Amino acid sequence: MPQRLNLTALLVDEYDTALTFFVGKLGFEVREDTQLGDGKRWIVVAPEGAANGLLLARAVGERQRNAIGDQSGGRVFLFLETDDFARDHLAYTQQGVRFVEEPRHEPYGIVAVFEDLYGNRWDLIEPITTER
């Protein structure tokens, strides 16, 4: 099998707070939630049907806690592709997800930047074509 990226670790403050946002507001599914002992959990969330997901990693220590919400230095960190931008933009807006700009049309598709509960920036994007 060729190599592939599987998970992206996302620093969070508390597991259940993160789950409330990613599952409750973005509609992601919990792929795995395994107790590891000493309060640690291995939690993977992903959009339904997605090949890859996020590992919700509870921050430990001051350095990691300081990086929550700023894992990419203020740039867009994650790109959430959709087959229906209008549907998802409306649903997320109704769930209280904060968009930091109005939707815009770019040569590659329709896009708008939103922030997760920690301030990490995401692109919600519907590419010109969803065929791959």
Protein backbone atom coordinates (compact mmCIF):
# COMPACT_ATOMS: atom_id res chain seq x y z
CA MET A 1 0.00 0.00 0.00
CA PRO A 2 1.34 3.46 -0.83
CA GLN A 3 1.77 5.97 1.97
CA ARG A 4 -1.07 8.28 2.92
CA LEU A 5 -1.82 10.82 5.60
CA ASN A 6 -4.35 9.33 7.97
CA LEU A 7 -4.96 11.62 10.93
CA THR A 8 -4.26 15.21 11.86
CA ALA A 9 -3.81 15.87 15.58
CA LEU A 10 -5.78 18.84 16.82
CA LEU A 11 -4.97 20.22 20.26
CA VAL A 12 -8.07 20.67 22.41
CA ASP A 13 -8.68 21.79 25.98
CA GLU A 14 -11.08 19.00 26.98
CA TYR A 15 -12.31 16.02 25.01
CA ASP A 16 -16.03 16.43 25.65
CA THR A 17 -16.00 20.15 24.88
CA ALA A 18 -14.34 19.40 21.54
CA LEU A 19 -16.82 16.61 20.80
CA THR A 20 -19.73 18.96 21.43
CA PHE A 21 -18.41 21.25 18.69
CA PHE A 22 -17.20 18.77 16.10
CA VAL A 23 -20.10 16.33 16.44
CA GLY A 24 -22.85 18.68 17.63
CA LYS A 25 -22.15 21.69 15.41
CA LEU A 26 -20.19 20.39 12.41
CA GLY A 27 -21.98 17.03 12.25
CA PHE A 28 -18.82 14.92 12.30
CA GLU A 29 -19.03 11.32 13.46
CA VAL A 30 -16.98 9.73 16.22
CA ARG A 31 -14.86 7.04 14.60
CA GLU A 32 -13.12 5.97 17.78
CA ASP A 33 -13.21 6.88 21.47
CA THR A 34 -10.88 4.63 23.45
CA GLN A 35 -9.87 5.14 27.09
CA LEU A 36 -6.08 5.00 27.42
CA GLY A 37 -5.83 5.41 31.19
CA ASP A 38 -4.87 8.38 33.36
CA GLY A 39 -7.70 10.41 31.79
CA LYS A 40 -6.28 10.11 28.27
CA ARG A 41 -8.48 9.10 25.35
CA TRP A 42 -7.86 8.30 21.70
CA ILE A 43 -10.68 10.14 19.94
CA VAL A 44 -11.00 10.29 16.17
CA VAL A 45 -13.72 12.36 14.50
CA ALA A 46 -14.40 12.87 10.82
CA PRO A 47 -17.10 13.99 8.41
CA GLU A 48 -19.35 11.09 7.46
CA GLY A 49 -17.75 9.05 4.69
CA ALA A 50 -14.39 10.86 4.83
CA ALA A 51 -11.25 8.78 4.46
CA ASN A 52 -9.27 10.80 7.02
CA GLY A 53 -10.03 12.34 10.36
CA LEU A 54 -8.94 14.43 13.29
CA LEU A 55 -7.32 13.03 16.41
CA LEU A 56 -8.56 15.18 19.26
CA ALA A 57 -5.47 15.52 21.45
CA ARG A 58 -5.96 17.04 24.90
CA ALA A 59 -3.19 19.54 25.50
CA VAL A 60 -0.69 18.67 28.21
CA GLY A 61 1.63 21.29 29.62
CA GLU A 62 1.87 25.02 29.13
CA ARG A 63 3.42 24.89 25.65
CA GLN A 64 0.61 22.74 24.23
CA ARG A 65 -2.11 24.70 26.03
CA ASN A 66 -0.70 27.92 24.54
CA ALA A 67 -0.90 26.40 21.04
CA ILE A 68 -4.63 25.56 21.27
CA GLY A 69 -6.38 27.56 18.56
CA ASP A 70 -3.15 28.71 16.95
CA GLN A 71 -1.62 25.57 15.51
CA SER A 72 -0.97 27.30 12.19
CA GLY A 73 0.04 30.76 13.35
CA GLY A 74 -3.28 32.35 12.35
CA ARG A 75 -3.43 30.94 8.82
CA VAL A 76 -6.14 28.61 7.57
CA PHE A 77 -5.20 25.27 9.09
CA LEU A 78 -7.75 22.77 7.80
CA PHE A 79 -9.77 22.51 4.59
CA LEU A 80 -13.25 21.00 4.75
CA GLU A 81 -14.48 20.09 1.29
CA THR A 82 -18.20 19.85 0.61
CA ASP A 83 -20.39 18.94 -2.33
CA ASP A 84 -22.95 21.62 -1.34
CA PHE A 85 -21.48 24.84 0.02
CA ALA A 86 -24.85 26.59 0.48
CA ARG A 87 -26.29 23.70 2.51
CA ASP A 88 -23.32 23.42 4.85
CA HIS A 89 -22.76 27.17 5.21
CA LEU A 90 -26.39 27.60 6.23
CA ALA A 91 -26.32 24.63 8.63
CA TYR A 92 -23.11 25.80 10.30
CA THR A 93 -24.36 29.37 10.57
CA GLN A 94 -27.56 28.10 12.21
CA GLN A 95 -25.41 26.08 14.65
CA GLY A 96 -23.55 29.24 15.65
CA VAL A 97 -20.29 28.48 13.82
CA ARG A 98 -18.41 31.77 13.34
CA PHE A 99 -17.53 32.64 9.76
CA VAL A 100 -14.89 35.36 9.55
CA GLU A 101 -15.79 36.36 6.01
CA GLU A 102 -18.60 36.22 3.50
CA PRO A 103 -18.61 33.37 0.97
CA ARG A 104 -16.57 34.17 -2.11
CA HIS A 105 -16.15 32.68 -5.56
CA GLU A 106 -12.58 31.81 -6.48
CA PRO A 107 -11.21 30.12 -9.61
CA TYR A 108 -11.06 26.85 -7.63
CA GLY A 109 -14.54 27.03 -6.07
CA ILE A 110 -16.80 28.65 -3.48
CA VAL A 111 -15.08 29.22 -0.14
CA ALA A 112 -15.46 30.93 3.23
CA VAL A 113 -13.24 30.85 6.31
CA PHE A 114 -14.72 29.81 9.65
CA GLU A 115 -13.25 29.27 13.08
CA ASP A 116 -13.61 26.25 15.29
CA LEU A 117 -14.35 26.68 18.98
CA TYR A 118 -10.68 27.38 19.68
CA GLY A 119 -10.08 29.90 16.89
CA ASN A 120 -8.33 27.59 14.41
CA ARG A 121 -9.22 28.76 10.91
CA TRP A 122 -10.82 26.39 8.41
CA ASP A 123 -11.83 26.77 4.78
CA LEU A 124 -15.27 25.46 3.93
CA ILE A 125 -14.90 24.86 0.22
CA GLU A 126 -16.95 23.50 -2.64
CA PRO A 127 -14.49 22.91 -5.46
CA ILE A 128 -15.44 23.73 -9.03
CA THR A 129 -15.74 19.98 -9.49
CA THR A 130 -16.15 17.40 -6.76
CA GLU A 131 -15.13 14.57 -9.09
CA ARG A 132 -11.74 13.15 -8.25
